[in-house]
């Protein structure tokens, strides 16, 4: 977002733990809410976050 930032907040109702990472890390995936202000107006959105493959491609 040029000149600003996005706030990404996980939805605690729809989260899944990924306990099977090869590096022993615990990752989460699930729905998120996204908010920001653009040109003085609030903007809202929704998305899904998934753990990356961390160079495993």
PDB file of N, CA and C in Angstrom:
ATOM      1  N   UNK A   1       0.847  -1.154   0.000  1.00  0.00           N
ATOM      2  CA  UNK A   1       0.000   0.000   0.000  1.00  0.00           C
ATOM      3  C   UNK A   1       0.903   1.230   0.000  1.00  0.00           C
ATOM      4  N   UNK A   2       0.989   1.946  -1.064  1.00  0.00           N
ATOM      5  CA  UNK A   2       1.845   3.130  -1.119  1.00  0.00           C
ATOM      6  C   UNK A   2       1.462   4.161  -0.056  1.00  0.00           C
ATOM      7  N   UNK A   3       2.435   4.561   0.739  1.00  0.00           N
ATOM      8  CA  UNK A   3       2.201   5.581   1.747  1.00  0.00           C
ATOM      9  C   UNK A   3       1.382   5.126   2.934  1.00  0.00           C
ATOM     10  N   UNK A   4       1.193   3.847   3.109  1.00  0.00           N
ATOM     11  CA  UNK A   4       0.388   3.357   4.220  1.00  0.00           C
ATOM     12  C   UNK A   4       0.727   1.922   4.546  1.00  0.00           C
ATOM     13  N   UNK A   5      -0.160   1.276   5.249  1.00  0.00           N
ATOM     14  CA  UNK A   5       0.061  -0.129   5.588  1.00  0.00           C
ATOM     15  C   UNK A   5      -1.281  -0.849   5.695  1.00  0.00           C
ATOM     16  N   UNK A   6      -1.218  -2.154   5.612  1.00  0.00           N
ATOM     17  CA  UNK A   6      -2.397  -3.002   5.774  1.00  0.00           C
ATOM     18  C   UNK A   6      -2.373  -3.615   7.166  1.00  0.00           C
ATOM     19  N   UNK A   7      -3.508  -3.680   7.811  1.00  0.00           N
ATOM     20  CA  UNK A   7      -3.648  -4.412   9.069  1.00  0.00           C
ATOM     21  C   UNK A   7      -4.286  -5.752   8.746  1.00  0.00           C
ATOM     22  N   UNK A   8      -3.591  -6.833   9.082  1.00  0.00           N
ATOM     23  CA  UNK A   8      -4.076  -8.187   8.813  1.00  0.00           C
ATOM     24  C   UNK A   8      -4.326  -8.854  10.161  1.00  0.00           C
ATOM     25  N   UNK A   9      -5.573  -9.244  10.407  1.00  0.00           N
ATOM     26  CA  UNK A   9      -5.967  -9.820  11.688  1.00  0.00           C
ATOM     27  C   UNK A   9      -6.532 -11.217  11.467  1.00  0.00           C
ATOM     28  N   UNK A  10      -5.960 -12.240  12.127  1.00  0.00           N
ATOM     29  CA  UNK A  10      -6.496 -13.591  11.953  1.00  0.00           C
ATOM     30  C   UNK A  10      -7.887 -13.727  12.572  1.00  0.00           C
ATOM     31  N   UNK A  11      -8.722 -14.527  11.946  1.00  0.00           N
ATOM     32  CA  UNK A  11     -10.035 -14.875  12.475  1.00  0.00           C
ATOM     33  C   UNK A  11      -9.838 -16.087  13.392  1.00  0.00           C
ATOM     34  N   UNK A  12      -9.949 -15.908  14.707  1.00  0.00           N
ATOM     35  CA  UNK A  12      -9.632 -17.019  15.617  1.00  0.00           C
ATOM     36  C   UNK A  12     -10.564 -18.220  15.483  1.00  0.00           C
ATOM     37  N   UNK A  13     -11.732 -18.028  14.881  1.00  0.00           N
ATOM     38  CA  UNK A  13     -12.679 -19.139  14.720  1.00  0.00           C
ATOM     39  C   UNK A  13     -12.224 -20.095  13.622  1.00  0.00           C
ATOM     40  N   UNK A  14     -11.559 -19.583  12.584  1.00  0.00           N
ATOM     41  CA  UNK A  14     -11.193 -20.415  11.431  1.00  0.00           C
ATOM     42  C   UNK A  14      -9.677 -20.460  11.252  1.00  0.00           C
ATOM     43  N   UNK A  15      -8.976 -21.058  12.210  1.00  0.00           N
ATOM     44  CA  UNK A  15      -7.534 -21.239  12.120  1.00  0.00           C
ATOM     45  C   UNK A  15      -7.221 -22.722  12.244  1.00  0.00           C
ATOM     46  N   UNK A  16      -6.192 -23.145  11.525  1.00  0.00           N
ATOM     47  CA  UNK A  16      -5.730 -24.524  11.611  1.00  0.00           C
ATOM     48  C   UNK A  16      -4.252 -24.505  11.938  1.00  0.00           C
ATOM     49  N   UNK A  17      -3.812 -25.401  12.807  1.00  0.00           N
ATOM     50  CA  UNK A  17      -2.394 -25.536  13.106  1.00  0.00           C
ATOM     51  C   UNK A  17      -1.762 -26.510  12.135  1.00  0.00           C
ATOM     52  N   UNK A  18      -0.575 -26.174  11.659  1.00  0.00           N
ATOM     53  CA  UNK A  18       0.201 -27.078  10.808  1.00  0.00           C
ATOM     54  C   UNK A  18       1.386 -27.548  11.631  1.00  0.00           C
ATOM     55  N   UNK A  19       1.295 -28.737  12.185  1.00  0.00           N
ATOM     56  CA  UNK A  19       2.344 -29.253  13.058  1.00  0.00           C
ATOM     57  C   UNK A  19       3.366 -30.096  12.311  1.00  0.00           C
ATOM     58  N   UNK A  20       3.224 -30.222  10.998  1.00  0.00           N
ATOM     59  CA  UNK A  20       4.056 -31.147  10.237  1.00  0.00           C
ATOM     60  C   UNK A  20       5.142 -30.446   9.422  1.00  0.00           C
ATOM     61  N   UNK A  21       5.652 -29.310   9.871  1.00  0.00           N
ATOM     62  CA  UNK A  21       6.697 -28.640   9.102  1.00  0.00           C
ATOM     63  C   UNK A  21       8.016 -29.357   9.287  1.00  0.00           C
ATOM     64  N   UNK A  22       8.826 -29.372   8.262  1.00  0.00           N
ATOM     65  CA  UNK A  22      10.092 -30.095   8.306  1.00  0.00           C
ATOM     66  C   UNK A  22      11.107 -29.434   9.234  1.00  0.00           C
ATOM     67  N   UNK A  23      10.939 -28.138   9.521  1.00  0.00           N
ATOM     68  CA  UNK A  23      11.877 -27.422  10.376  1.00  0.00           C
ATOM     69  C   UNK A  23      11.436 -27.412  11.837  1.00  0.00           C
ATOM     70  N   UNK A  24      10.362 -28.101  12.157  1.00  0.00           N
ATOM     71  CA  UNK A  24       9.877 -28.157  13.523  1.00  0.00           C
ATOM     72  C   UNK A  24       9.067 -26.946  13.943  1.00  0.00           C
ATOM     73  N   UNK A  25       8.793 -26.040  13.016  1.00  0.00           N
ATOM     74  CA  UNK A  25       8.002 -24.854  13.334  1.00  0.00           C
ATOM     75  C   UNK A  25       6.518 -25.204  13.342  1.00  0.00           C
ATOM     76  N   UNK A  26       5.779 -24.480  14.161  1.00  0.00           N
ATOM     77  CA  UNK A  26       4.330 -24.604  14.159  1.00  0.00           C
ATOM     78  C   UNK A  26       3.783 -23.444  13.348  1.00  0.00           C
ATOM     79  N   UNK A  27       3.075 -23.754  12.281  1.00  0.00           N
ATOM     80  CA  UNK A  27       2.502 -22.715  11.434  1.00  0.00           C
ATOM     81  C   UNK A  27       0.995 -22.702  11.574  1.00  0.00           C
ATOM     82  N   UNK A  28       0.397 -21.594  11.193  1.00  0.00           N
ATOM     83  CA  UNK A  28      -1.061 -21.486  11.194  1.00  0.00           C
ATOM     84  C   UNK A  28      -1.525 -21.098   9.808  1.00  0.00           C
ATOM     85  N   UNK A  29      -2.707 -21.553   9.466  1.00  0.00           N
ATOM     86  CA  UNK A  29      -3.341 -21.114   8.231  1.00  0.00           C
ATOM     87  C   UNK A  29      -4.805 -20.877   8.522  1.00  0.00           C
ATOM     88  N   UNK A  30      -5.403 -19.975   7.765  1.00  0.00           N
ATOM     89  CA  UNK A  30      -6.821 -19.708   7.959  1.00  0.00           C
ATOM     90  C   UNK A  30      -7.216 -18.334   7.464  1.00  0.00           C
ATOM     91  N   UNK A  31      -8.445 -17.975   7.788  1.00  0.00           N
ATOM     92  CA  UNK A  31      -9.016 -16.716   7.322  1.00  0.00           C
ATOM     93  C   UNK A  31      -8.426 -15.519   8.059  1.00  0.00           C
ATOM     94  N   UNK A  32      -8.341 -14.389   7.360  1.00  0.00           N
ATOM     95  CA  UNK A  32      -7.894 -13.131   7.941  1.00  0.00           C
ATOM     96  C   UNK A  32      -8.799 -12.005   7.471  1.00  0.00           C
ATOM     97  N   UNK A  33      -8.894 -10.963   8.279  1.00  0.00           N
ATOM     98  CA  UNK A  33      -9.561  -9.722   7.891  1.00  0.00           C
ATOM     99  C   UNK A  33      -8.463  -8.707   7.588  1.00  0.00           C
ATOM    100  N   UNK A  34      -8.645  -7.912   6.543  1.00  0.00           N
ATOM    101  CA  UNK A  34      -7.650  -6.927   6.121  1.00  0.00           C
ATOM    102  C   UNK A  34      -8.315  -5.549   6.127  1.00  0.00           C
ATOM    103  N   UNK A  35      -7.667  -4.583   6.775  1.00  0.00           N
ATOM    104  CA  UNK A  35      -8.196  -3.227   6.810  1.00  0.00           C
ATOM    105  C   UNK A  35      -7.081  -2.235   6.502  1.00  0.00           C
ATOM    106  N   UNK A  36      -7.459  -1.094   5.964  1.00  0.00           N
ATOM    107  CA  UNK A  36      -6.525   0.001   5.725  1.00  0.00           C
ATOM    108  C   UNK A  36      -7.333   1.264   5.459  1.00  0.00           C
ATOM    109  N   UNK A  37      -6.639   2.370   5.348  1.00  0.00           N
ATOM    110  CA  UNK A  37      -7.267   3.626   4.960  1.00  0.00           C
ATOM    111  C   UNK A  37      -6.607   4.060   3.663  1.00  0.00           C
ATOM    112  N   UNK A  38      -7.410   4.298   2.633  1.00  0.00           N
ATOM    113  CA  UNK A  38      -6.910   4.722   1.335  1.00  0.00           C
ATOM    114  C   UNK A  38      -7.617   6.010   0.941  1.00  0.00           C
ATOM    115  N   UNK A  39      -6.850   7.050   0.711  1.00  0.00           N
ATOM    116  CA  UNK A  39      -7.390   8.364   0.338  1.00  0.00           C
ATOM    117  C   UNK A  39      -8.425   8.849   1.349  1.00  0.00           C
ATOM    118  N   UNK A  40      -8.139   8.564   2.634  1.00  0.00           N
ATOM    119  CA  UNK A  40      -9.002   9.023   3.712  1.00  0.00           C
ATOM    120  C   UNK A  40     -10.243   8.184   3.959  1.00  0.00           C
ATOM    121  N   UNK A  41     -10.398   7.083   3.206  1.00  0.00           N
ATOM    122  CA  UNK A  41     -11.586   6.238   3.359  1.00  0.00           C
ATOM    123  C   UNK A  41     -11.172   4.851   3.828  1.00  0.00           C
ATOM    124  N   UNK A  42     -11.941   4.255   4.751  1.00  0.00           N
ATOM    125  CA  UNK A  42     -11.615   2.898   5.197  1.00  0.00           C
ATOM    126  C   UNK A  42     -11.874   1.868   4.100  1.00  0.00           C
ATOM    127  N   UNK A  43     -10.997   0.894   4.030  1.00  0.00           N
ATOM    128  CA  UNK A  43     -11.115  -0.199   3.061  1.00  0.00           C
ATOM    129  C   UNK A  43     -11.053  -1.505   3.847  1.00  0.00           C
ATOM    130  N   UNK A  44     -11.944  -2.434   3.538  1.00  0.00           N
ATOM    131  CA  UNK A  44     -12.017  -3.710   4.235  1.00  0.00           C
ATOM    132  C   UNK A  44     -11.915  -4.855   3.232  1.00  0.00           C
ATOM    133  N   UNK A  45     -11.313  -5.942   3.673  1.00  0.00           N
ATOM    134  CA  UNK A  45     -11.231  -7.118   2.820  1.00  0.00           C
ATOM    135  C   UNK A  45     -11.039  -8.364   3.648  1.00  0.00           C
ATOM    136  N   UNK A  46     -11.082  -9.498   2.981  1.00  0.00           N
ATOM    137  CA  UNK A  46     -10.906 -10.786   3.626  1.00  0.00           C
ATOM    138  C   UNK A  46      -9.933 -11.612   2.807  1.00  0.00           C
ATOM    139  N   UNK A  47      -9.239 -12.526   3.450  1.00  0.00           N
ATOM    140  CA  UNK A  47      -8.289 -13.362   2.736  1.00  0.00           C
ATOM    141  C   UNK A  47      -8.021 -14.649   3.489  1.00  0.00           C
ATOM    142  N   UNK A  48      -7.083 -15.414   2.962  1.00  0.00           N
ATOM    143  CA  UNK A  48      -6.667 -16.667   3.564  1.00  0.00           C
ATOM    144  C   UNK A  48      -5.139 -16.700   3.567  1.00  0.00           C
ATOM    145  N   UNK A  49      -4.558 -17.070   4.695  1.00  0.00           N
ATOM    146  CA  UNK A  49      -3.107 -17.155   4.825  1.00  0.00           C
ATOM    147  C   UNK A  49      -2.720 -18.619   4.955  1.00  0.00           C
ATOM    148  N   UNK A  50      -1.708 -19.019   4.195  1.00  0.00           N
ATOM    149  CA  UNK A  50      -1.190 -20.375   4.275  1.00  0.00           C
ATOM    150  C   UNK A  50       0.312 -20.319   4.480  1.00  0.00           C
ATOM    151  N   UNK A  51       0.891 -21.264   5.239  1.00  0.00           N
ATOM    152  CA  UNK A  51       2.346 -21.267   5.448  1.00  0.00           C
ATOM    153  C   UNK A  51       3.079 -21.409   4.115  1.00  0.00           C
ATOM    154  N   UNK A  52       4.229 -20.775   4.016  1.00  0.00           N
ATOM    155  CA  UNK A  52       5.031 -20.894   2.795  1.00  0.00           C
ATOM    156  C   UNK A  52       5.790 -22.212   2.806  1.00  0.00           C
ATOM    157  N   UNK A  53       6.332 -22.575   1.659  1.00  0.00           N
ATOM    158  CA  UNK A  53       7.128 -23.795   1.561  1.00  0.00           C
ATOM    159  C   UNK A  53       8.576 -23.554   1.943  1.00  0.00           C
ATOM    160  N   UNK A  54       8.968 -22.329   2.240  1.00  0.00           N
ATOM    161  CA  UNK A  54      10.307 -21.962   2.721  1.00  0.00           C
ATOM    162  C   UNK A  54      11.417 -22.578   1.876  1.00  0.00           C
ATOM    163  N   UNK A  55      11.378 -22.312   0.576  1.00  0.00           N
ATOM    164  CA  UNK A  55      12.457 -22.769  -0.297  1.00  0.00           C
ATOM    165  C   UNK A  55      12.412 -24.242  -0.653  1.00  0.00           C
ATOM    166  N   UNK A  56      11.307 -24.907  -0.451  1.00  0.00           N
ATOM    167  CA  UNK A  56      11.221 -26.337  -0.742  1.00  0.00           C
ATOM    168  C   UNK A  56      10.801 -26.607  -2.177  1.00  0.00           C
ATOM    169  N   UNK A  57      10.635 -25.577  -3.010  1.00  0.00           N
ATOM    170  CA  UNK A  57      10.242 -25.792  -4.398  1.00  0.00           C
ATOM    171  C   UNK A  57      11.429 -26.194  -5.236  1.00  0.00           C
TER     172      UNK A  57
END
